[in-house]
Amino acid sequence: MKAATLVGLFLLAGVAFGQQPVNESNPGSLWTNLDSGQDPLHDRTAAKEGDILTVIITESTAASFTAQTTTSKSDSAAISQGVGKLLAQLIPNLAVGASAATNGAGATSQAGSFTGTVSVVVKKVFPNGTMLIEGSRDIMYNHDTQTIKLSGLIRREDITPTNTVLSTQIANAHIHATGKGQISDRQRKGLLIRLLDWMF
């Protein structure tokens, strides 16, 4: 009887001093709910629809092309004067010649670089583990808005432990960066200039 009373007193003292109840789902654990994301060993990388991950954009392109063409052509023909007085008058000495030459060369080169980060959402998970991601980011400063839109397919194994993935590892990637505002308007050709460029 005394033992039961002592146990009851200890239980009451624990409740009074704010002692947490025993975790029935995982006895002995410090975490009350492992499904709430509090488990330090829980994998927090994106794996299902609705999960968020960060894409590190590291795009760079470089292309060059050169061409050179050289052609030449020369033709000549001659007709001797006819024999006899009559033929000499009808067929005088004739000579025809023609020549043509062309020489052309051209070169073009292009290079670009785009870096940044954007968070995306997993929209669909395919049976093989490939995930469809989509995301956008709007940045507004000094009345100018920069919009970055990204979509594509990624593999689960390409996601790093920090829940990031490189843009170069995205299949069917669509990365669009557009700007709108005073600066963008000043860089855009006027309507009349664009019309003249189209006509000529």
N, C-alpha and C. Protein backbone atom coordinates (compact mmCIF):
# COMPACT_ATOMS: atom_id res chain seq x y z
N MET A 1 0.84 -1.20 0.00
CA MET A 1 0.00 0.00 0.00
C MET A 1 0.87 1.24 0.00
N LYS A 2 1.89 1.21 0.82
CA LYS A 2 2.78 2.36 0.87
C LYS A 2 3.54 2.52 -0.44
N ALA A 3 3.91 1.42 -1.10
CA ALA A 3 4.62 1.50 -2.36
C ALA A 3 3.77 2.16 -3.44
N ALA A 4 2.50 1.79 -3.49
CA ALA A 4 1.59 2.39 -4.47
C ALA A 4 1.43 3.87 -4.23
N THR A 5 1.37 4.24 -2.95
CA THR A 5 1.24 5.67 -2.62
C THR A 5 2.46 6.45 -3.07
N LEU A 6 3.66 5.87 -2.87
CA LEU A 6 4.88 6.55 -3.28
C LEU A 6 4.93 6.72 -4.81
N VAL A 7 4.50 5.70 -5.56
CA VAL A 7 4.48 5.79 -7.02
C VAL A 7 3.53 6.89 -7.47
N GLY A 8 2.38 6.97 -6.82
CA GLY A 8 1.42 8.02 -7.17
C GLY A 8 1.98 9.40 -6.91
N LEU A 9 2.68 9.55 -5.77
CA LEU A 9 3.27 10.84 -5.46
C LEU A 9 4.33 11.24 -6.50
N PHE A 10 5.14 10.27 -6.92
CA PHE A 10 6.16 10.57 -7.94
C PHE A 10 5.52 10.98 -9.26
N LEU A 11 4.44 10.35 -9.64
CA LEU A 11 3.74 10.71 -10.87
C LEU A 11 3.16 12.10 -10.78
N LEU A 12 2.57 12.42 -9.63
CA LEU A 12 2.00 13.76 -9.45
C LEU A 12 3.10 14.82 -9.47
N ALA A 13 4.25 14.49 -8.88
CA ALA A 13 5.35 15.45 -8.87
C ALA A 13 5.87 15.68 -10.28
N GLY A 14 5.91 14.63 -11.10
CA GLY A 14 6.37 14.79 -12.47
C GLY A 14 5.46 15.68 -13.28
N VAL A 15 4.13 15.51 -13.11
CA VAL A 15 3.17 16.36 -13.83
C VAL A 15 3.27 17.78 -13.35
N ALA A 16 3.45 17.95 -12.02
CA ALA A 16 3.50 19.30 -11.46
C ALA A 16 4.72 20.07 -11.96
N PHE A 17 5.84 19.39 -12.10
CA PHE A 17 7.05 20.07 -12.56
C PHE A 17 7.19 20.08 -14.09
N GLY A 18 6.15 19.77 -14.81
CA GLY A 18 6.15 19.86 -16.26
C GLY A 18 6.85 18.73 -16.97
N GLN A 19 6.97 17.59 -16.35
CA GLN A 19 7.62 16.46 -17.02
C GLN A 19 6.73 15.95 -18.14
N GLN A 20 7.33 15.72 -19.34
CA GLN A 20 6.56 15.28 -20.49
C GLN A 20 6.15 13.82 -20.33
N PRO A 21 4.98 13.46 -20.81
CA PRO A 21 4.54 12.05 -20.73
C PRO A 21 5.41 11.17 -21.61
N VAL A 22 5.37 9.90 -21.32
CA VAL A 22 6.17 8.94 -22.07
C VAL A 22 5.65 8.85 -23.49
N ASN A 23 6.58 8.81 -24.46
CA ASN A 23 6.22 8.69 -25.86
C ASN A 23 5.82 7.24 -26.13
N GLU A 24 4.51 7.02 -26.29
CA GLU A 24 4.03 5.65 -26.45
C GLU A 24 4.46 5.06 -27.79
N SER A 25 4.57 5.91 -28.85
CA SER A 25 4.92 5.39 -30.17
C SER A 25 6.39 5.02 -30.27
N ASN A 26 7.24 5.69 -29.47
CA ASN A 26 8.67 5.41 -29.49
C ASN A 26 9.22 5.60 -28.09
N PRO A 27 9.02 4.63 -27.19
CA PRO A 27 9.48 4.79 -25.80
C PRO A 27 10.98 4.98 -25.73
N GLY A 28 11.42 5.90 -24.88
CA GLY A 28 12.83 6.16 -24.70
C GLY A 28 13.37 7.24 -25.62
N SER A 29 12.58 7.72 -26.59
CA SER A 29 13.04 8.75 -27.51
C SER A 29 12.77 10.13 -26.95
N LEU A 30 13.64 11.08 -27.26
CA LEU A 30 13.44 12.46 -26.85
C LEU A 30 12.44 13.19 -27.74
N TRP A 31 12.13 12.60 -28.88
CA TRP A 31 11.23 13.25 -29.83
C TRP A 31 9.85 12.64 -29.70
N THR A 32 8.85 13.52 -29.58
CA THR A 32 7.49 13.06 -29.36
C THR A 32 6.81 12.62 -30.64
N ASN A 33 7.22 13.18 -31.80
CA ASN A 33 6.56 12.84 -33.05
C ASN A 33 7.61 12.83 -34.16
N LEU A 34 7.98 11.64 -34.61
CA LEU A 34 9.02 11.54 -35.62
C LEU A 34 8.53 11.99 -36.98
N ASP A 35 7.21 12.01 -37.20
CA ASP A 35 6.68 12.40 -38.49
C ASP A 35 6.62 13.91 -38.67
N SER A 36 6.88 14.66 -37.65
CA SER A 36 6.76 16.12 -37.75
C SER A 36 8.04 16.76 -38.25
N GLY A 37 9.07 15.97 -38.59
CA GLY A 37 10.32 16.52 -39.09
C GLY A 37 11.31 16.86 -38.02
N GLN A 38 11.08 16.47 -36.78
CA GLN A 38 11.99 16.78 -35.70
C GLN A 38 13.11 15.75 -35.55
N ASP A 39 12.98 14.65 -36.26
CA ASP A 39 14.00 13.60 -36.16
C ASP A 39 15.29 14.09 -36.82
N PRO A 40 16.40 14.17 -36.07
CA PRO A 40 17.65 14.67 -36.67
C PRO A 40 18.20 13.74 -37.74
N LEU A 41 17.79 12.49 -37.76
CA LEU A 41 18.25 11.55 -38.76
C LEU A 41 17.30 11.45 -39.95
N HIS A 42 16.24 12.22 -39.94
CA HIS A 42 15.25 12.16 -41.01
C HIS A 42 15.81 12.80 -42.28
N ASP A 43 15.61 12.15 -43.44
CA ASP A 43 16.07 12.68 -44.73
C ASP A 43 15.12 13.79 -45.17
N ARG A 44 15.62 15.02 -45.22
CA ARG A 44 14.78 16.16 -45.55
C ARG A 44 14.89 16.57 -47.02
N THR A 45 15.58 15.80 -47.85
CA THR A 45 15.66 16.13 -49.26
C THR A 45 14.33 15.81 -49.94
N ALA A 46 14.07 16.52 -51.04
CA ALA A 46 12.81 16.37 -51.76
C ALA A 46 12.66 14.95 -52.29
N ALA A 47 11.47 14.38 -52.08
CA ALA A 47 11.23 13.01 -52.53
C ALA A 47 9.80 12.78 -52.98
N LYS A 48 8.89 13.67 -52.66
CA LYS A 48 7.49 13.47 -53.01
C LYS A 48 6.87 14.79 -53.48
N GLU A 49 5.67 14.68 -54.02
CA GLU A 49 4.98 15.86 -54.54
C GLU A 49 4.77 16.89 -53.43
N GLY A 50 5.02 18.13 -53.77
CA GLY A 50 4.87 19.21 -52.81
C GLY A 50 6.14 19.57 -52.08
N ASP A 51 7.17 18.72 -52.15
CA ASP A 51 8.44 19.04 -51.49
C ASP A 51 9.15 20.18 -52.24
N ILE A 52 9.98 20.89 -51.52
CA ILE A 52 10.71 22.04 -52.07
C ILE A 52 12.20 21.74 -52.08
N LEU A 53 12.87 22.13 -53.14
CA LEU A 53 14.32 22.04 -53.21
C LEU A 53 14.87 23.25 -53.94
N THR A 54 16.16 23.48 -53.84
CA THR A 54 16.80 24.65 -54.42
C THR A 54 17.63 24.24 -55.62
N VAL A 55 17.46 24.98 -56.71
CA VAL A 55 18.23 24.75 -57.93
C VAL A 55 19.33 25.81 -58.01
N ILE A 56 20.56 25.35 -58.15
CA ILE A 56 21.70 26.25 -58.33
C ILE A 56 21.95 26.39 -59.83
N ILE A 57 21.67 27.57 -60.36
CA ILE A 57 21.79 27.82 -61.80
C ILE A 57 23.24 28.16 -62.12
N THR A 58 23.87 27.31 -62.90
CA THR A 58 25.26 27.54 -63.35
C THR A 58 25.32 27.23 -64.84
N GLU A 59 24.80 28.13 -65.65
CA GLU A 59 24.74 27.92 -67.09
C GLU A 59 25.80 28.78 -67.77
N SER A 60 26.52 28.19 -68.69
CA SER A 60 27.50 28.92 -69.49
C SER A 60 27.53 28.29 -70.88
N THR A 61 27.54 29.12 -71.90
CA THR A 61 27.57 28.65 -73.28
C THR A 61 28.65 29.40 -74.04
N ALA A 62 29.23 28.72 -75.01
CA ALA A 62 30.24 29.32 -75.88
C ALA A 62 30.18 28.61 -77.23
N ALA A 63 30.14 29.39 -78.29
CA ALA A 63 30.07 28.83 -79.63
C ALA A 63 30.84 29.73 -80.59
N SER A 64 31.48 29.13 -81.57
CA SER A 64 32.21 29.88 -82.58
C SER A 64 32.11 29.15 -83.91
N PHE A 65 32.13 29.93 -85.00
CA PHE A 65 32.01 29.35 -86.35
C PHE A 65 32.75 30.25 -87.32
N THR A 66 33.55 29.65 -88.17
CA THR A 66 34.27 30.39 -89.19
C THR A 66 34.06 29.72 -90.54
N ALA A 67 34.06 30.52 -91.60
CA ALA A 67 33.88 29.99 -92.95
C ALA A 67 34.64 30.87 -93.93
N GLN A 68 35.20 30.26 -94.97
CA GLN A 68 35.92 30.99 -96.02
C GLN A 68 35.68 30.29 -97.34
N THR A 69 35.36 31.07 -98.37
CA THR A 69 35.05 30.54 -99.69
C THR A 69 35.84 31.32 -100.74
N THR A 70 36.49 30.61 -101.64
CA THR A 70 37.23 31.22 -102.75
C THR A 70 36.91 30.46 -104.02
N THR A 71 36.41 31.14 -105.07
CA THR A 71 36.10 30.51 -106.35
C THR A 71 36.62 31.39 -107.47
N SER A 72 36.91 30.77 -108.60
CA SER A 72 37.36 31.52 -109.79
C SER A 72 36.94 30.75 -111.03
N LYS A 73 36.70 31.51 -112.12
CA LYS A 73 36.28 30.90 -113.37
C LYS A 73 36.72 31.81 -114.52
N SER A 74 37.21 31.23 -115.60
CA SER A 74 37.67 31.98 -116.77
C SER A 74 37.27 31.24 -118.03
N ASP A 75 36.64 31.93 -118.98
CA ASP A 75 36.20 31.36 -120.26
C ASP A 75 36.69 32.27 -121.39
N SER A 76 37.03 31.67 -122.55
CA SER A 76 37.43 32.44 -123.74
C SER A 76 37.07 31.65 -124.99
N ALA A 77 36.74 32.38 -126.07
CA ALA A 77 36.39 31.77 -127.36
C ALA A 77 36.79 32.73 -128.47
N ALA A 78 37.24 32.20 -129.61
CA ALA A 78 37.67 33.02 -130.75
C ALA A 78 37.22 32.38 -132.04
N ILE A 79 36.80 33.22 -133.03
CA ILE A 79 36.40 32.78 -134.36
C ILE A 79 37.29 33.49 -135.37
N SER A 80 38.03 32.73 -136.18
CA SER A 80 38.92 33.33 -137.18
C SER A 80 38.12 33.92 -138.34
N GLN A 81 38.72 34.89 -139.02
CA GLN A 81 38.07 35.53 -140.15
C GLN A 81 37.90 34.54 -141.30
N GLY A 82 36.76 34.64 -141.95
CA GLY A 82 36.47 33.70 -143.04
C GLY A 82 37.42 33.86 -144.22
N VAL A 83 37.59 32.78 -144.98
CA VAL A 83 38.46 32.78 -146.15
C VAL A 83 37.68 33.37 -147.34
N GLY A 84 38.31 34.21 -148.07
CA GLY A 84 37.67 34.82 -149.22
C GLY A 84 37.12 36.19 -148.89
N LYS A 85 36.91 36.98 -149.95
CA LYS A 85 36.45 38.33 -149.72
C LYS A 85 35.04 38.36 -149.16
N LEU A 86 34.18 37.51 -149.72
CA LEU A 86 32.80 37.51 -149.25
C LEU A 86 32.70 37.03 -147.81
N LEU A 87 33.38 35.93 -147.49
CA LEU A 87 33.33 35.40 -146.12
C LEU A 87 34.06 36.32 -145.15
N ALA A 88 35.08 37.01 -145.68
CA ALA A 88 35.81 37.92 -144.80
C ALA A 88 34.94 39.07 -144.34
N GLN A 89 34.01 39.48 -145.21
CA GLN A 89 33.11 40.55 -144.82
C GLN A 89 31.99 40.04 -143.90
N LEU A 90 31.56 38.79 -144.16
CA LEU A 90 30.47 38.23 -143.34
C LEU A 90 30.97 37.76 -141.97
N ILE A 91 32.17 37.22 -141.92
CA ILE A 91 32.70 36.67 -140.66
C ILE A 91 34.01 37.36 -140.34
N PRO A 92 33.96 38.45 -139.59
CA PRO A 92 35.21 39.07 -139.18
C PRO A 92 35.83 38.31 -138.00
N ASN A 93 37.00 38.77 -137.59
CA ASN A 93 37.61 38.15 -136.42
C ASN A 93 36.77 38.46 -135.18
N LEU A 94 36.38 37.41 -134.45
CA LEU A 94 35.57 37.56 -133.24
C LEU A 94 36.30 36.90 -132.07
N ALA A 95 36.18 37.52 -130.94
CA ALA A 95 36.77 36.94 -129.73
C ALA A 95 35.86 37.27 -128.55
N VAL A 96 35.63 36.29 -127.74
CA VAL A 96 34.77 36.45 -126.56
C VAL A 96 35.53 35.92 -125.35
N GLY A 97 35.52 36.67 -124.30
CA GLY A 97 36.17 36.23 -123.07
C GLY A 97 35.40 36.65 -121.83
N ALA A 98 35.46 35.86 -120.81
CA ALA A 98 34.77 36.17 -119.56
C ALA A 98 35.52 35.55 -118.40
N SER A 99 35.51 36.24 -117.31
CA SER A 99 36.16 35.72 -116.10
C SER A 99 35.37 36.18 -114.88
N ALA A 100 35.39 35.37 -113.86
CA ALA A 100 34.69 35.70 -112.62
C ALA A 100 35.45 35.12 -111.44
N ALA A 101 35.41 35.84 -110.35
CA ALA A 101 36.10 35.39 -109.15
C ALA A 101 35.35 35.87 -107.93
N THR A 102 35.27 35.04 -106.93
CA THR A 102 34.63 35.40 -105.66
C THR A 102 35.55 35.01 -104.52
N ASN A 103 35.51 35.80 -103.50
CA ASN A 103 36.32 35.53 -102.31
C ASN A 103 35.53 36.03 -101.10
N GLY A 104 35.19 35.14 -100.22
CA GLY A 104 34.41 35.53 -99.05
C GLY A 104 34.90 34.83 -97.80
N ALA A 105 34.71 35.51 -96.68
CA ALA A 105 35.11 34.95 -95.38
C ALA A 105 34.18 35.49 -94.31
N GLY A 106 33.94 34.71 -93.30
CA GLY A 106 33.06 35.15 -92.21
C GLY A 106 33.38 34.40 -90.93
N ALA A 107 33.04 35.03 -89.84
CA ALA A 107 33.28 34.41 -88.52
C ALA A 107 32.24 34.92 -87.55
N THR A 108 31.81 34.06 -86.67
CA THR A 108 30.86 34.45 -85.64
C THR A 108 31.19 33.73 -84.35
N SER A 109 30.95 34.38 -83.24
CA SER A 109 31.20 33.78 -81.93
C SER A 109 30.18 34.32 -80.94
N GLN A 110 29.86 33.50 -79.97
CA GLN A 110 28.86 33.87 -78.98
C GLN A 110 29.19 33.20 -77.65
N ALA A 111 29.01 33.94 -76.56
CA ALA A 111 29.28 33.39 -75.23
C ALA A 111 28.29 33.99 -74.25
N GLY A 112 27.89 33.21 -73.27
CA GLY A 112 26.94 33.69 -72.27
C GLY A 112 27.12 32.97 -70.95
N SER A 113 26.67 33.61 -69.89
CA SER A 113 26.79 33.03 -68.55
C SER A 113 25.58 33.46 -67.73
N PHE A 114 25.06 32.53 -66.93
CA PHE A 114 23.89 32.81 -66.11
C PHE A 114 24.03 32.04 -64.81
N THR A 115 24.09 32.73 -63.71
CA THR A 115 24.21 32.10 -62.40
C THR A 115 23.13 32.63 -61.47
N GLY A 116 22.74 31.82 -60.51
CA GLY A 116 21.74 32.24 -59.55
C GLY A 116 21.15 31.03 -58.85
N THR A 117 20.19 31.26 -57.99
CA THR A 117 19.49 30.19 -57.28
C THR A 117 17.99 30.47 -57.31
N VAL A 118 17.22 29.42 -57.37
CA VAL A 118 15.76 29.54 -57.34
C VAL A 118 15.18 28.28 -56.69
N SER A 119 14.22 28.46 -55.83
CA SER A 119 13.56 27.32 -55.18
C SER A 119 12.39 26.84 -56.03
N VAL A 120 12.24 25.54 -56.14
CA VAL A 120 11.20 24.95 -56.96
C VAL A 120 10.40 23.95 -56.14
N VAL A 121 9.27 23.54 -56.70
CA VAL A 121 8.37 22.59 -56.05
C VAL A 121 8.27 21.34 -56.91
N VAL A 122 8.28 20.19 -56.26
CA VAL A 122 8.09 18.93 -56.97
C VAL A 122 6.62 18.81 -57.36
N LYS A 123 6.36 18.78 -58.66
CA LYS A 123 4.98 18.71 -59.16
C LYS A 123 4.51 17.28 -59.39
N LYS A 124 5.43 16.40 -59.73
CA LYS A 124 5.03 15.02 -60.02
C LYS A 124 6.22 14.10 -59.84
N VAL A 125 5.97 12.90 -59.33
CA VAL A 125 6.99 11.88 -59.16
C VAL A 125 6.62 10.69 -60.03
N PHE A 126 7.49 10.33 -60.97
CA PHE A 126 7.24 9.22 -61.87
C PHE A 126 7.63 7.90 -61.22
N PRO A 127 7.13 6.79 -61.75
CA PRO A 127 7.42 5.49 -61.13
C PRO A 127 8.91 5.17 -61.00
N ASN A 128 9.75 5.68 -61.90
CA ASN A 128 11.19 5.39 -61.82
C ASN A 128 11.93 6.34 -60.89
N GLY A 129 11.21 7.23 -60.22
CA GLY A 129 11.83 8.15 -59.28
C GLY A 129 12.14 9.52 -59.85
N THR A 130 12.04 9.68 -61.16
CA THR A 130 12.27 10.99 -61.78
C THR A 130 11.17 11.95 -61.34
N MET A 131 11.56 13.20 -61.08
CA MET A 131 10.62 14.18 -60.55
C MET A 131 10.52 15.38 -61.48
N LEU A 132 9.31 15.84 -61.68
CA LEU A 132 9.05 17.06 -62.44
C LEU A 132 9.02 18.24 -61.46
N ILE A 133 9.85 19.25 -61.75
CA ILE A 133 9.95 20.41 -60.85
C ILE A 133 9.56 21.67 -61.62
N GLU A 134 8.98 22.60 -60.89
CA GLU A 134 8.63 23.89 -61.44
C GLU A 134 8.79 24.95 -60.35
N GLY A 135 9.20 26.13 -60.77
CA GLY A 135 9.34 27.21 -59.80
C GLY A 135 9.59 28.53 -60.50
N SER A 136 9.35 29.61 -59.78
CA SER A 136 9.60 30.95 -60.31
C SER A 136 9.98 31.87 -59.17
N ARG A 137 10.63 32.96 -59.53
CA ARG A 137 11.04 33.95 -58.54
C ARG A 137 10.94 35.33 -59.17
N ASP A 138 10.28 36.25 -58.48
CA ASP A 138 10.15 37.64 -58.91
C ASP A 138 10.93 38.53 -57.96
N ILE A 139 11.83 39.32 -58.51
CA ILE A 139 12.65 40.24 -57.73
C ILE A 139 12.38 41.65 -58.24
N MET A 140 11.93 42.51 -57.35
CA MET A 140 11.61 43.88 -57.74
C MET A 140 12.51 44.86 -57.01
N TYR A 141 13.12 45.76 -57.77
CA TYR A 141 13.98 46.78 -57.18
C TYR A 141 13.96 47.99 -58.11
N ASN A 142 13.82 49.18 -57.50
CA ASN A 142 13.80 50.44 -58.25
C ASN A 142 12.81 50.40 -59.42
N HIS A 143 11.62 49.89 -59.15
CA HIS A 143 10.54 49.84 -60.13
C HIS A 143 10.85 48.93 -61.31
N ASP A 144 11.83 48.07 -61.18
CA ASP A 144 12.13 47.07 -62.20
C ASP A 144 11.93 45.69 -61.60
N THR A 145 11.34 44.81 -62.39
CA THR A 145 11.04 43.46 -61.93
C THR A 145 11.79 42.45 -62.78
N GLN A 146 12.52 41.57 -62.12
CA GLN A 146 13.21 40.48 -62.79
C GLN A 146 12.52 39.17 -62.43
N THR A 147 12.13 38.42 -63.45
CA THR A 147 11.40 37.17 -63.25
C THR A 147 12.23 36.01 -63.77
N ILE A 148 12.38 34.99 -62.94
CA ILE A 148 13.09 33.77 -63.32
C ILE A 148 12.11 32.61 -63.22
N LYS A 149 11.94 31.88 -64.30
CA LYS A 149 11.07 30.71 -64.32
C LYS A 149 11.90 29.50 -64.72
N LEU A 150 11.66 28.39 -64.03
CA LEU A 150 12.45 27.18 -64.26
C LEU A 150 11.56 25.96 -64.17
N SER A 151 11.78 25.01 -65.05
CA SER A 151 11.07 23.73 -65.02
C SER A 151 11.93 22.67 -65.68
N GLY A 152 11.67 21.41 -65.35
CA GLY A 152 12.43 20.31 -65.93
C GLY A 152 12.30 19.05 -65.12
N LEU A 153 13.11 18.07 -65.46
CA LEU A 153 13.09 16.75 -64.82
C LEU A 153 14.42 16.50 -64.13
N ILE A 154 14.36 15.98 -62.92
CA ILE A 154 15.58 15.67 -62.17
C ILE A 154 15.49 14.24 -61.64
N ARG A 155 16.66 13.69 -61.32
CA ARG A 155 16.73 12.37 -60.71
C ARG A 155 16.90 12.51 -59.20
N ARG A 156 16.34 11.58 -58.49
CA ARG A 156 16.41 11.61 -57.02
C ARG A 156 17.86 11.56 -56.54
N GLU A 157 18.70 10.78 -57.22
CA GLU A 157 20.08 10.62 -56.77
C GLU A 157 20.94 11.84 -57.06
N ASP A 158 20.47 12.78 -57.87
CA ASP A 158 21.24 13.99 -58.15
C ASP A 158 21.05 15.07 -57.09
N ILE A 159 20.11 14.88 -56.19
CA ILE A 159 19.87 15.86 -55.13
C ILE A 159 20.92 15.67 -54.03
N THR A 160 21.59 16.75 -53.65
CA THR A 160 22.64 16.68 -52.64
C THR A 160 22.02 16.60 -51.24
N PRO A 161 22.81 16.24 -50.24
CA PRO A 161 22.29 16.20 -48.86
C PRO A 161 21.78 17.55 -48.37
N THR A 162 22.22 18.64 -48.98
CA THR A 162 21.72 19.97 -48.59
C THR A 162 20.46 20.35 -49.36
N ASN A 163 19.85 19.39 -50.05
CA ASN A 163 18.59 19.58 -50.78
C ASN A 163 18.75 20.59 -51.91
N THR A 164 19.84 20.47 -52.65
CA THR A 164 20.08 21.31 -53.82
C THR A 164 20.41 20.43 -55.02
N VAL A 165 20.23 20.99 -56.20
CA VAL A 165 20.56 20.29 -57.43
C VAL A 165 21.08 21.32 -58.43
N LEU A 166 22.04 20.93 -59.27
CA LEU A 166 22.59 21.83 -60.27
C LEU A 166 21.68 21.90 -61.48
N SER A 167 21.63 23.07 -62.09
CA SER A 167 20.78 23.23 -63.27
C SER A 167 21.29 22.40 -64.44
N THR A 168 22.59 22.10 -64.46
CA THR A 168 23.14 21.27 -65.53
C THR A 168 22.70 19.82 -65.43
N GLN A 169 22.09 19.43 -64.31
CA GLN A 169 21.61 18.06 -64.13
C GLN A 169 20.11 17.94 -64.38
N ILE A 170 19.51 19.00 -64.90
CA ILE A 170 18.08 18.99 -65.18
C ILE A 170 17.86 18.62 -66.64
N ALA A 171 17.01 17.62 -66.88
CA ALA A 171 16.66 17.23 -68.24
C ALA A 171 15.46 18.05 -68.71
N ASN A 172 15.43 18.33 -70.02
CA ASN A 172 14.36 19.14 -70.60
C ASN A 172 14.19 20.46 -69.82
N ALA A 173 15.32 21.06 -69.49
CA ALA A 173 15.29 22.27 -68.67
C ALA A 173 14.79 23.45 -69.49
N HIS A 174 13.93 24.24 -68.85
CA HIS A 174 13.44 25.49 -69.42
C HIS A 174 13.73 26.58 -68.38
N ILE A 175 14.69 27.41 -68.69
CA ILE A 175 15.09 28.49 -67.79
C ILE A 175 14.87 29.82 -68.52
N HIS A 176 13.98 30.62 -67.98
CA HIS A 176 13.65 31.91 -68.60
C HIS A 176 13.91 33.02 -67.58
N ALA A 177 14.67 34.01 -68.01
CA ALA A 177 14.92 35.19 -67.18
C ALA A 177 14.51 36.43 -67.98
N THR A 178 13.51 37.13 -67.49
CA THR A 178 13.00 38.30 -68.19
C THR A 178 12.97 39.48 -67.23
N GLY A 179 13.00 40.65 -67.79
CA GLY A 179 12.95 41.87 -66.99
C GLY A 179 11.88 42.80 -67.50
N LYS A 180 11.31 43.57 -66.60
CA LYS A 180 10.26 44.52 -66.96
C LYS A 180 10.38 45.74 -66.07
N GLY A 181 10.39 46.91 -66.70
CA GLY A 181 10.52 48.14 -65.93
C GLY A 181 11.18 49.23 -66.76
N GLN A 182 11.63 50.27 -66.09
CA GLN A 182 12.19 51.42 -66.78
C GLN A 182 13.46 51.07 -67.53
N ILE A 183 14.34 50.32 -66.91
CA ILE A 183 15.60 49.98 -67.57
C ILE A 183 15.36 49.10 -68.78
N SER A 184 14.48 48.11 -68.65
CA SER A 184 14.18 47.22 -69.77
C SER A 184 13.51 47.98 -70.90
N ASP A 185 12.63 48.93 -70.57
CA ASP A 185 11.97 49.72 -71.60
C ASP A 185 12.96 50.56 -72.38
N ARG A 186 13.98 51.11 -71.70
CA ARG A 186 14.96 51.94 -72.39
C ARG A 186 15.86 51.12 -73.29
N GLN A 187 16.04 49.85 -72.99
CA GLN A 187 16.89 49.00 -73.82
C GLN A 187 16.15 48.42 -75.01
N ARG A 188 14.83 48.52 -75.03
CA ARG A 188 14.04 47.96 -76.12
C ARG A 188 13.89 48.97 -77.24
N LYS A 189 14.01 48.52 -78.50
CA LYS A 189 13.85 49.40 -79.64
C LYS A 189 12.42 49.93 -79.72
N GLY A 190 12.28 51.14 -80.26
CA GLY A 190 10.97 51.71 -80.44
C GLY A 190 10.19 51.01 -81.54
N LEU A 191 8.88 51.27 -81.60
CA LEU A 191 8.02 50.60 -82.57
C LEU A 191 8.40 50.97 -83.99
N LEU A 192 8.71 52.24 -84.25
CA LEU A 192 9.07 52.66 -85.60
C LEU A 192 10.37 52.03 -86.05
N ILE A 193 11.37 51.98 -85.15
CA ILE A 193 12.65 51.36 -85.50
C ILE A 193 12.48 49.88 -85.78
N ARG A 194 11.67 49.19 -84.98
CA ARG A 194 11.43 47.77 -85.22
C ARG A 194 10.71 47.54 -86.53
N LEU A 195 9.80 48.46 -86.90
CA LEU A 195 9.10 48.34 -88.19
C LEU A 195 10.05 48.52 -89.35
N LEU A 196 10.96 49.50 -89.24
CA LEU A 196 11.94 49.71 -90.31
C LEU A 196 12.91 48.54 -90.41
N ASP A 197 13.30 47.96 -89.28
CA ASP A 197 14.18 46.79 -89.31
C ASP A 197 13.49 45.62 -89.99
N TRP A 198 12.18 45.46 -89.75
CA TRP A 198 11.45 44.37 -90.37
C TRP A 198 11.31 44.58 -91.88
N MET A 199 11.13 45.82 -92.31
CA MET A 199 10.92 46.11 -93.73
C MET A 199 12.23 46.03 -94.51
N PHE A 200 13.34 46.47 -93.89
CA PHE A 200 14.58 46.55 -94.63
C PHE A 200 15.63 45.59 -94.06
